[in-house]
Amino acid sequence: MAGRTRAAATSEKTAVETDVKIENSNENVVKKSTIEPFSPEKKVTVRSIADWDTGFKRIESIGDVQIPANGSVRLTASEIITQVQNGNTLFRGSNGDGSHATLYIDDKATRIEADFETENTVQKFITNELVKDLFKKSKKDFEEGLRDLVITRAERYSIINIIRKEKLFNDYEKVRAVEDYTGLRV
C-alpha cells in the first residue's frame, strides 16, 4: 500500500485527502479517503502508556479524568485541545510539541488541531512498531535510537512492556542495553 497526502480545500489544518494505491494482480486502483475535519464535539479516545493511573482536572466541565494504567478514556476533542492549550504535560510531552507524551490522542484530526502533527509529519510517540523497528537496527544505531525514543519515565516502563508483549528477547545485548538504560528488568 502506498499513500500520499495533501490538504483538502475545506480546511487548511484538519481535512486531509489521502490517495491510497491498492495493488491487485491485474490492475492498480486508487481510492480517495478523507480524514474527517476537526469537530470539537466529537468523542476521541486517549490512550495512556503509563504503568500507573494518571489523571487531571477537567477544564471545560466539572470533575476529573482518571485513566487506568495502560488504559484509555474517551473525551471530547474540545476538552483535549483545551488541556493542550493550558499546558497539560501529559498531552504536551517533554518538549511541549506532543513528543514523548504520556497520553496519546487516537485521532489524527485532533492531533493536527493540537499542532502535534501535520499532514506530512507524525507525532513522536513510542509504539510497538517503533520498538520492533529499533530492535532490527545495528547495535550502535539501536543505542542511539533508544536514547531518542525513550526519555520519560512512562516511556521507560512502556518499552519494557512492549519487549515483553512482542517477545523481543532474541537479542540479549539489546535487551541488556534497554535494562541498563531504563534501570528496569525485562
C-alpha atoms as a PDB file:
ATOM      1  CA  MET A   1       0.000   0.000   0.000  1.00  0.00           C
ATOM      2  CA  ALA A   2       1.397   3.365  -0.894  1.00  0.00           C
ATOM      3  CA  GLY A   3      -0.108   6.673   0.105  1.00  0.00           C
ATOM      4  CA  ARG A   4       0.474  10.370  -0.271  1.00  0.00           C
ATOM      5  CA  THR A   5      -1.411  13.173   1.372  1.00  0.00           C
ATOM      6  CA  ARG A   6      -2.389  16.717   0.520  1.00  0.00           C
ATOM      7  CA  ALA A   7      -4.501  19.287   2.312  1.00  0.00           C
ATOM      8  CA  ALA A   8      -8.072  19.419   1.185  1.00  0.00           C
ATOM      9  CA  ALA A   9      -9.630  22.753   0.294  1.00  0.00           C
ATOM     10  CA  THR A  10     -12.301  22.538   3.015  1.00  0.00           C
ATOM     11  CA  SER A  11      -9.999  23.228   5.955  1.00  0.00           C
ATOM     12  CA  GLU A  12      -6.372  24.186   5.782  1.00  0.00           C
ATOM     13  CA  LYS A  13      -5.473  22.447   9.035  1.00  0.00           C
ATOM     14  CA  THR A  14      -7.538  19.329   9.575  1.00  0.00           C
ATOM     15  CA  ALA A  15      -9.154  17.875   6.477  1.00  0.00           C
ATOM     16  CA  VAL A  16      -6.705  15.654   4.637  1.00  0.00           C
ATOM     17  CA  GLU A  17      -7.288  13.672   1.471  1.00  0.00           C
ATOM     18  CA  THR A  18      -5.230  10.542   1.033  1.00  0.00           C
ATOM     19  CA  ASP A  19      -4.616   8.709  -2.217  1.00  0.00           C
ATOM     20  CA  VAL A  20      -4.307   5.022  -1.389  1.00  0.00           C
ATOM     21  CA  LYS A  21      -2.956   2.782  -4.098  1.00  0.00           C
ATOM     22  CA  ILE A  22      -4.274  -0.766  -3.887  1.00  0.00           C
ATOM     23  CA  GLU A  23      -2.356  -3.226  -5.988  1.00  0.00           C
ATOM     24  CA  ASN A  24      -4.280  -6.129  -7.484  1.00  0.00           C
ATOM     25  CA  SER A  25      -2.898  -8.825  -9.747  1.00  0.00           C
ATOM     26  CA  ASN A  26      -4.445  -7.301 -12.885  1.00  0.00           C
ATOM     27  CA  GLU A  27      -4.931  -3.614 -12.127  1.00  0.00           C
ATOM     28  CA  ASN A  28      -3.997  -0.739  -9.856  1.00  0.00           C
ATOM     29  CA  VAL A  29      -6.895   1.028  -8.164  1.00  0.00           C
ATOM     30  CA  VAL A  30      -6.584   4.405  -6.464  1.00  0.00           C
ATOM     31  CA  LYS A  31      -9.173   5.208  -3.809  1.00  0.00           C
ATOM     32  CA  LYS A  32      -9.591   8.539  -2.094  1.00  0.00           C
ATOM     33  CA  SER A  33     -10.082   8.564   1.644  1.00  0.00           C
ATOM     34  CA  THR A  34     -10.550  11.719   3.663  1.00  0.00           C
ATOM     35  CA  ILE A  35      -9.660  12.282   7.293  1.00  0.00           C
ATOM     36  CA  GLU A  36     -12.628  13.879   8.962  1.00  0.00           C
ATOM     37  CA  PRO A  37     -12.307  17.595   9.675  1.00  0.00           C
ATOM     38  CA  PHE A  38     -11.795  18.598  13.297  1.00  0.00           C
ATOM     39  CA  SER A  39     -15.015  18.554  15.285  1.00  0.00           C
ATOM     40  CA  PRO A  40     -14.885  19.874  18.883  1.00  0.00           C
ATOM     41  CA  GLU A  41     -17.950  17.845  19.948  1.00  0.00           C
ATOM     42  CA  LYS A  42     -16.516  14.544  18.716  1.00  0.00           C
ATOM     43  CA  LYS A  43     -15.523  11.944  21.333  1.00  0.00           C
ATOM     44  CA  VAL A  44     -11.890  10.915  20.939  1.00  0.00           C
ATOM     45  CA  THR A  45     -10.004   8.034  22.556  1.00  0.00           C
ATOM     46  CA  VAL A  46      -6.995   8.992  24.663  1.00  0.00           C
ATOM     47  CA  ARG A  47      -4.550   6.177  25.489  1.00  0.00           C
ATOM     48  CA  SER A  48      -2.041   6.146  28.349  1.00  0.00           C
ATOM     49  CA  ILE A  49       1.385   4.487  28.155  1.00  0.00           C
ATOM     50  CA  ALA A  50       1.977   4.911  31.901  1.00  0.00           C
ATOM     51  CA  ASP A  51       2.207   1.840  34.112  1.00  0.00           C
ATOM     52  CA  TRP A  52       0.232   3.734  36.754  1.00  0.00           C
ATOM     53  CA  ASP A  53      -3.080   5.579  36.926  1.00  0.00           C
ATOM     54  CA  THR A  54      -2.990   9.101  35.508  1.00  0.00           C
ATOM     55  CA  GLY A  55      -5.498  11.889  35.715  1.00  0.00           C
ATOM     56  CA  PHE A  56      -6.188  15.582  35.520  1.00  0.00           C
ATOM     57  CA  LYS A  57      -8.885  18.108  36.324  1.00  0.00           C
ATOM     58  CA  ARG A  58     -11.336  18.907  33.535  1.00  0.00           C
ATOM     59  CA  ILE A  59     -11.290  22.490  32.282  1.00  0.00           C
ATOM     60  CA  GLU A  60     -14.429  22.685  30.140  1.00  0.00           C
ATOM     61  CA  SER A  61     -16.697  20.889  32.590  1.00  0.00           C
ATOM     62  CA  ILE A  62     -16.840  19.803  36.208  1.00  0.00           C
ATOM     63  CA  GLY A  63     -14.903  16.833  37.515  1.00  0.00           C
ATOM     64  CA  ASP A  64     -11.716  14.921  36.990  1.00  0.00           C
ATOM     65  CA  VAL A  65     -10.471  12.482  34.370  1.00  0.00           C
ATOM     66  CA  GLN A  66      -8.945   9.231  35.632  1.00  0.00           C
ATOM     67  CA  ILE A  67      -7.102   6.967  33.200  1.00  0.00           C
ATOM     68  CA  PRO A  68      -6.121   3.492  34.411  1.00  0.00           C
ATOM     69  CA  ALA A  69      -2.608   2.142  33.911  1.00  0.00           C
ATOM     70  CA  ASN A  70      -2.059   1.432  30.194  1.00  0.00           C
ATOM     71  CA  GLY A  71      -5.748   2.202  29.681  1.00  0.00           C
ATOM     72  CA  SER A  72      -7.844   4.632  27.722  1.00  0.00           C
ATOM     73  CA  VAL A  73     -10.762   7.042  28.065  1.00  0.00           C
ATOM     74  CA  ARG A  74     -12.956   8.935  25.631  1.00  0.00           C
ATOM     75  CA  LEU A  75     -13.015  12.721  25.863  1.00  0.00           C
ATOM     76  CA  THR A  76     -14.429  15.447  23.688  1.00  0.00           C
ATOM     77  CA  ALA A  77     -11.937  16.871  21.241  1.00  0.00           C
ATOM     78  CA  SER A  78     -12.549  20.337  22.673  1.00  0.00           C
ATOM     79  CA  GLU A  79     -11.519  19.175  26.179  1.00  0.00           C
ATOM     80  CA  ILE A  80      -8.336  17.666  24.743  1.00  0.00           C
ATOM     81  CA  ILE A  81      -7.445  20.854  22.848  1.00  0.00           C
ATOM     82  CA  THR A  82      -8.171  22.942  25.954  1.00  0.00           C
ATOM     83  CA  GLN A  83      -5.881  20.702  28.017  1.00  0.00           C
ATOM     84  CA  VAL A  84      -3.123  21.054  25.408  1.00  0.00           C
ATOM     85  CA  GLN A  85      -3.525  24.830  25.218  1.00  0.00           C
ATOM     86  CA  ASN A  86      -3.376  25.069  29.015  1.00  0.00           C
ATOM     87  CA  GLY A  87      -0.066  23.200  29.121  1.00  0.00           C
ATOM     88  CA  ASN A  88      -1.058  19.736  30.363  1.00  0.00           C
ATOM     89  CA  THR A  89       2.284  17.899  30.098  1.00  0.00           C
ATOM     90  CA  LEU A  90       0.563  14.518  29.940  1.00  0.00           C
ATOM     91  CA  PHE A  91      -0.552  15.545  26.425  1.00  0.00           C
ATOM     92  CA  ARG A  92       2.188  18.038  25.514  1.00  0.00           C
ATOM     93  CA  GLY A  93       5.106  15.792  26.467  1.00  0.00           C
ATOM     94  CA  SER A  94       8.656  16.730  27.317  1.00  0.00           C
ATOM     95  CA  ASN A  95       9.120  19.370  24.606  1.00  0.00           C
ATOM     96  CA  GLY A  96       5.614  20.829  24.548  1.00  0.00           C
ATOM     97  CA  ASP A  97       5.038  19.644  20.971  1.00  0.00           C
ATOM     98  CA  GLY A  98       3.469  16.296  21.830  1.00  0.00           C
ATOM     99  CA  SER A  99       6.699  14.333  21.598  1.00  0.00           C
ATOM    100  CA  HIS A 100       7.398  11.933  24.477  1.00  0.00           C
ATOM    101  CA  ALA A 101       3.902  12.425  25.906  1.00  0.00           C
ATOM    102  CA  THR A 102       2.259  10.068  28.389  1.00  0.00           C
ATOM    103  CA  LEU A 103      -1.166  10.353  26.750  1.00  0.00           C
ATOM    104  CA  TYR A 104      -1.731   9.659  23.052  1.00  0.00           C
ATOM    105  CA  ILE A 105      -4.656  11.219  21.167  1.00  0.00           C
ATOM    106  CA  ASP A 106      -6.057   8.481  18.933  1.00  0.00           C
ATOM    107  CA  ASP A 107      -7.457  10.858  16.281  1.00  0.00           C
ATOM    108  CA  LYS A 108      -5.365  12.442  13.529  1.00  0.00           C
ATOM    109  CA  ALA A 109      -7.617  15.499  13.096  1.00  0.00           C
ATOM    110  CA  THR A 110      -7.322  16.293  16.806  1.00  0.00           C
ATOM    111  CA  ARG A 111      -3.531  15.779  16.767  1.00  0.00           C
ATOM    112  CA  ILE A 112      -3.307  18.180  13.820  1.00  0.00           C
ATOM    113  CA  GLU A 113      -5.510  20.733  15.609  1.00  0.00           C
ATOM    114  CA  ALA A 114      -3.237  20.436  18.678  1.00  0.00           C
ATOM    115  CA  ASP A 115      -0.218  21.124  16.413  1.00  0.00           C
ATOM    116  CA  PHE A 116       1.347  17.747  17.259  1.00  0.00           C
ATOM    117  CA  GLU A 117       1.241  16.653  13.606  1.00  0.00           C
ATOM    118  CA  THR A 118       0.789  17.989  10.114  1.00  0.00           C
ATOM    119  CA  GLU A 119      -0.418  16.218   7.007  1.00  0.00           C
ATOM    120  CA  ASN A 120       3.184  15.125   6.337  1.00  0.00           C
ATOM    121  CA  THR A 121       4.596  14.542   9.834  1.00  0.00           C
ATOM    122  CA  VAL A 122       3.630  12.315  12.733  1.00  0.00           C
ATOM    123  CA  GLN A 123       3.796  12.796  16.475  1.00  0.00           C
ATOM    124  CA  LYS A 124       6.884  11.278  18.113  1.00  0.00           C
ATOM    125  CA  PHE A 125       5.312   8.669  20.354  1.00  0.00           C
ATOM    126  CA  ILE A 126       6.528   5.224  21.437  1.00  0.00           C
ATOM    127  CA  THR A 127       4.662   2.384  19.709  1.00  0.00           C
ATOM    128  CA  ASN A 128       5.073  -1.369  19.275  1.00  0.00           C
ATOM    129  CA  GLU A 129       6.119  -0.849  15.649  1.00  0.00           C
ATOM    130  CA  LEU A 130       8.808   1.698  16.547  1.00  0.00           C
ATOM    131  CA  VAL A 131      10.274  -0.628  19.171  1.00  0.00           C
ATOM    132  CA  LYS A 132      10.242  -3.600  16.757  1.00  0.00           C
ATOM    133  CA  ASP A 133      11.988  -1.446  14.130  1.00  0.00           C
ATOM    134  CA  LEU A 134      14.506  -0.335  16.745  1.00  0.00           C
ATOM    135  CA  PHE A 135      15.394  -3.959  17.527  1.00  0.00           C
ATOM    136  CA  LYS A 136      16.128  -4.569  13.827  1.00  0.00           C
ATOM    137  CA  LYS A 137      18.928  -1.954  13.805  1.00  0.00           C
ATOM    138  CA  SER A 138      22.645  -2.484  14.378  1.00  0.00           C
ATOM    139  CA  LYS A 139      23.821  -2.231  17.991  1.00  0.00           C
ATOM    140  CA  LYS A 140      25.244   1.299  17.564  1.00  0.00           C
ATOM    141  CA  ASP A 141      22.111   2.588  15.793  1.00  0.00           C
ATOM    142  CA  PHE A 142      19.989   0.752  18.367  1.00  0.00           C
ATOM    143  CA  GLU A 143      21.615   2.579  21.283  1.00  0.00           C
ATOM    144  CA  GLU A 144      21.265   5.983  19.578  1.00  0.00           C
ATOM    145  CA  GLY A 145      17.650   5.237  18.670  1.00  0.00           C
ATOM    146  CA  LEU A 146      16.921   4.076  22.203  1.00  0.00           C
ATOM    147  CA  ARG A 147      18.125   7.402  23.660  1.00  0.00           C
ATOM    148  CA  ASP A 148      15.964   9.304  21.148  1.00  0.00           C
ATOM    149  CA  LEU A 149      12.847   7.152  21.625  1.00  0.00           C
ATOM    150  CA  VAL A 150      12.850   6.701  25.407  1.00  0.00           C
ATOM    151  CA  ILE A 151      13.153   9.829  27.537  1.00  0.00           C
ATOM    152  CA  THR A 152      10.355   9.960  30.115  1.00  0.00           C
ATOM    153  CA  ARG A 153       9.591   7.620  32.997  1.00  0.00           C
ATOM    154  CA  ALA A 154       6.401   6.449  31.282  1.00  0.00           C
ATOM    155  CA  GLU A 155       8.382   5.574  28.124  1.00  0.00           C
ATOM    156  CA  ARG A 156      10.882   3.579  30.216  1.00  0.00           C
ATOM    157  CA  TYR A 157       8.089   1.372  31.560  1.00  0.00           C
ATOM    158  CA  SER A 158       6.372   1.274  28.178  1.00  0.00           C
ATOM    159  CA  ILE A 159       9.405  -0.104  26.296  1.00  0.00           C
ATOM    160  CA  ILE A 160       9.796  -2.869  28.914  1.00  0.00           C
ATOM    161  CA  ASN A 161       6.111  -3.798  28.471  1.00  0.00           C
ATOM    162  CA  ILE A 162       6.446  -3.751  24.664  1.00  0.00           C
ATOM    163  CA  ILE A 163       9.511  -6.025  24.798  1.00  0.00           C
ATOM    164  CA  ARG A 164       7.540  -8.486  26.949  1.00  0.00           C
ATOM    165  CA  LYS A 165       4.391  -8.276  24.824  1.00  0.00           C
ATOM    166  CA  GLU A 166       6.181  -8.595  21.466  1.00  0.00           C
ATOM    167  CA  LYS A 167       8.631 -11.221  22.826  1.00  0.00           C
ATOM    168  CA  LEU A 168      11.712  -9.323  21.652  1.00  0.00           C
ATOM    169  CA  PHE A 169      14.090 -11.412  23.796  1.00  0.00           C
ATOM    170  CA  ASN A 170      16.196 -12.817  20.920  1.00  0.00           C
ATOM    171  CA  ASP A 171      18.953 -10.195  21.093  1.00  0.00           C
ATOM    172  CA  TYR A 172      20.451 -10.423  24.577  1.00  0.00           C
ATOM    173  CA  GLU A 173      22.785  -7.428  24.122  1.00  0.00           C
ATOM    174  CA  LYS A 174      19.947  -5.118  23.083  1.00  0.00           C
ATOM    175  CA  VAL A 175      17.676  -6.283  25.900  1.00  0.00           C
ATOM    176  CA  ARG A 176      20.524  -5.688  28.383  1.00  0.00           C
ATOM    177  CA  ALA A 177      21.103  -2.228  26.861  1.00  0.00           C
ATOM    178  CA  VAL A 178      17.414  -1.394  27.450  1.00  0.00           C
ATOM    179  CA  GLU A 179      17.624  -2.689  31.021  1.00  0.00           C
ATOM    180  CA  ASP A 180      20.793  -0.669  31.710  1.00  0.00           C
ATOM    181  CA  TYR A 181      19.325   2.479  30.154  1.00  0.00           C
ATOM    182  CA  THR A 182      15.938   2.279  31.902  1.00  0.00           C
ATOM    183  CA  GLY A 183      17.045   0.769  35.209  1.00  0.00           C
ATOM    184  CA  LEU A 184      14.196  -1.731  34.868  1.00  0.00           C
ATOM    185  CA  ARG A 185      14.253  -5.501  34.330  1.00  0.00           C
ATOM    186  CA  VAL A 186      12.586  -7.231  31.407  1.00  0.00           C
END
